[in-house]
Amino acid sequence: MPRVVFTENIQRHVPCPPTEAHGVTVREVLDAVFTSNERARGYVLDEHGAVRKHMVIFIDGTMIRDRITLADSVVPSSEIYVMQALSGG
């Protein structure tokens, strides 16, 4: 099963330990994770289900392409990393 990891800076605000969940897209996996953690859903996704502007998601080290429908494919061995996007200078 794909494994979802939330970075420590997110976990300071919302408890969300690493979790494995079934799915073949990022959306399916995250929906499975968020069924038991609605607070994390609200932190990561906006009211339309898209990735919030201050968040970024990687699959096996590659940033997802579809931030709106989360249709990027995953395989059972995938690791999905959810983190806050940092900017500034």
C-alpha atoms as a PDB file:
ATOM      1  CA  MET A   1       0.000   0.000   0.000  1.00  0.00           C
ATOM      2  CA  PRO A   2       1.212   3.542  -0.648  1.00  0.00           C
ATOM      3  CA  ARG A   3       2.595   5.260   2.443  1.00  0.00           C
ATOM      4  CA  VAL A   4       1.710   8.868   3.288  1.00  0.00           C
ATOM      5  CA  VAL A   5       4.150  10.916   5.357  1.00  0.00           C
ATOM      6  CA  PHE A   6       3.387  14.374   6.713  1.00  0.00           C
ATOM      7  CA  THR A   7       6.394  16.496   7.624  1.00  0.00           C
ATOM      8  CA  GLU A   8       7.061  17.434  11.232  1.00  0.00           C
ATOM      9  CA  ASN A   9       6.145  21.080  10.678  1.00  0.00           C
ATOM     10  CA  ILE A  10       2.608  19.985   9.692  1.00  0.00           C
ATOM     11  CA  GLN A  11       2.413  17.604  12.636  1.00  0.00           C
ATOM     12  CA  ARG A  12       3.056  20.539  15.003  1.00  0.00           C
ATOM     13  CA  HIS A  13      -0.340  21.898  13.960  1.00  0.00           C
ATOM     14  CA  VAL A  14      -2.286  18.724  13.132  1.00  0.00           C
ATOM     15  CA  PRO A  15      -1.565  15.215  14.414  1.00  0.00           C
ATOM     16  CA  CYS A  16      -1.029  13.042  11.331  1.00  0.00           C
ATOM     17  CA  PRO A  17       1.368  10.134  11.742  1.00  0.00           C
ATOM     18  CA  PRO A  18       2.702   8.228   8.719  1.00  0.00           C
ATOM     19  CA  THR A  19      -0.069   6.019   7.343  1.00  0.00           C
ATOM     20  CA  GLU A  20      -0.529   3.390   4.663  1.00  0.00           C
ATOM     21  CA  ALA A  21      -3.708   3.448   2.589  1.00  0.00           C
ATOM     22  CA  HIS A  22      -5.146   1.813  -0.523  1.00  0.00           C
ATOM     23  CA  GLY A  23      -5.492   3.734  -3.762  1.00  0.00           C
ATOM     24  CA  VAL A  24      -4.151   4.137  -7.275  1.00  0.00           C
ATOM     25  CA  THR A  25      -4.193   7.958  -7.329  1.00  0.00           C
ATOM     26  CA  VAL A  26      -3.087  10.569  -4.845  1.00  0.00           C
ATOM     27  CA  ARG A  27      -6.763  11.499  -4.352  1.00  0.00           C
ATOM     28  CA  GLU A  28      -7.798   7.943  -3.451  1.00  0.00           C
ATOM     29  CA  VAL A  29      -4.920   7.483  -1.014  1.00  0.00           C
ATOM     30  CA  LEU A  30      -5.397  10.856   0.689  1.00  0.00           C
ATOM     31  CA  ASP A  31      -9.172  10.377   0.886  1.00  0.00           C
ATOM     32  CA  ALA A  32      -8.550   7.077   2.677  1.00  0.00           C
ATOM     33  CA  VAL A  33      -6.131   8.750   5.098  1.00  0.00           C
ATOM     34  CA  PHE A  34      -8.424  11.711   5.706  1.00  0.00           C
ATOM     35  CA  THR A  35     -11.498   9.595   6.501  1.00  0.00           C
ATOM     36  CA  SER A  36     -10.068   9.209   9.987  1.00  0.00           C
ATOM     37  CA  ASN A  37      -8.429  12.640  10.123  1.00  0.00           C
ATOM     38  CA  GLU A  38     -10.723  15.434   8.885  1.00  0.00           C
ATOM     39  CA  ARG A  39      -8.576  18.070  10.562  1.00  0.00           C
ATOM     40  CA  ALA A  40      -5.600  17.090   8.406  1.00  0.00           C
ATOM     41  CA  ARG A  41      -7.829  17.237   5.303  1.00  0.00           C
ATOM     42  CA  GLY A  42      -8.727  20.842   6.089  1.00  0.00           C
ATOM     43  CA  TYR A  43      -5.083  21.727   6.606  1.00  0.00           C
ATOM     44  CA  VAL A  44      -3.852  20.166   3.342  1.00  0.00           C
ATOM     45  CA  LEU A  45      -6.829  20.633   0.984  1.00  0.00           C
ATOM     46  CA  ASP A  46      -9.059  23.630   0.352  1.00  0.00           C
ATOM     47  CA  GLU A  47     -12.877  23.632   0.346  1.00  0.00           C
ATOM     48  CA  HIS A  48     -12.875  22.351  -3.262  1.00  0.00           C
ATOM     49  CA  GLY A  49     -10.540  19.437  -2.519  1.00  0.00           C
ATOM     50  CA  ALA A  50      -7.506  20.995  -4.246  1.00  0.00           C
ATOM     51  CA  VAL A  51      -4.089  21.245  -2.616  1.00  0.00           C
ATOM     52  CA  ARG A  52      -3.809  24.507  -0.682  1.00  0.00           C
ATOM     53  CA  LYS A  53      -1.363  27.056  -2.093  1.00  0.00           C
ATOM     54  CA  HIS A  54       0.967  26.749   0.906  1.00  0.00           C
ATOM     55  CA  MET A  55       1.182  22.941   0.604  1.00  0.00           C
ATOM     56  CA  VAL A  56       3.127  20.673  -1.745  1.00  0.00           C
ATOM     57  CA  ILE A  57       2.893  16.914  -2.339  1.00  0.00           C
ATOM     58  CA  PHE A  58       5.582  14.624  -3.724  1.00  0.00           C
ATOM     59  CA  ILE A  59       5.284  11.037  -4.960  1.00  0.00           C
ATOM     60  CA  ASP A  60       8.569   9.152  -4.692  1.00  0.00           C
ATOM     61  CA  GLY A  61      10.505  12.428  -4.821  1.00  0.00           C
ATOM     62  CA  THR A  62       8.602  14.010  -7.739  1.00  0.00           C
ATOM     63  CA  MET A  63       6.144  16.863  -7.204  1.00  0.00           C
ATOM     64  CA  ILE A  64       2.593  16.022  -8.248  1.00  0.00           C
ATOM     65  CA  ARG A  65       1.361  17.633 -11.463  1.00  0.00           C
ATOM     66  CA  ASP A  66      -2.351  17.761 -10.697  1.00  0.00           C
ATOM     67  CA  ARG A  67      -2.966  19.963  -7.649  1.00  0.00           C
ATOM     68  CA  ILE A  68      -6.706  20.234  -8.377  1.00  0.00           C
ATOM     69  CA  THR A  69      -8.057  16.696  -8.847  1.00  0.00           C
ATOM     70  CA  LEU A  70      -4.986  14.852  -7.459  1.00  0.00           C
ATOM     71  CA  ALA A  71      -5.144  12.347 -10.313  1.00  0.00           C
ATOM     72  CA  ASP A  72      -1.411  11.549 -10.278  1.00  0.00           C
ATOM     73  CA  SER A  73      -0.895   7.768 -10.211  1.00  0.00           C
ATOM     74  CA  VAL A  74       0.680   5.848  -7.370  1.00  0.00           C
ATOM     75  CA  VAL A  75       1.794   2.243  -7.032  1.00  0.00           C
ATOM     76  CA  PRO A  76       1.680   0.078  -3.916  1.00  0.00           C
ATOM     77  CA  SER A  77       5.324   0.881  -3.096  1.00  0.00           C
ATOM     78  CA  SER A  78       4.896   4.666  -3.477  1.00  0.00           C
ATOM     79  CA  GLU A  79       5.715   7.121  -0.726  1.00  0.00           C
ATOM     80  CA  ILE A  80       3.649  10.287  -0.716  1.00  0.00           C
ATOM     81  CA  TYR A  81       5.167  13.218   1.146  1.00  0.00           C
ATOM     82  CA  VAL A  82       2.974  16.120   2.200  1.00  0.00           C
ATOM     83  CA  MET A  83       4.748  19.299   3.274  1.00  0.00           C
ATOM     84  CA  GLN A  84       4.371  23.028   3.540  1.00  0.00           C
ATOM     85  CA  ALA A  85       5.759  24.981   0.614  1.00  0.00           C
ATOM     86  CA  LEU A  86       8.311  27.540   1.731  1.00  0.00           C
ATOM     87  CA  SER A  87       9.059  30.753  -0.064  1.00  0.00           C
ATOM     88  CA  GLY A  88      10.831  33.974   0.615  1.00  0.00           C
ATOM     89  CA  GLY A  89      14.294  35.245   0.314  1.00  0.00           C
END
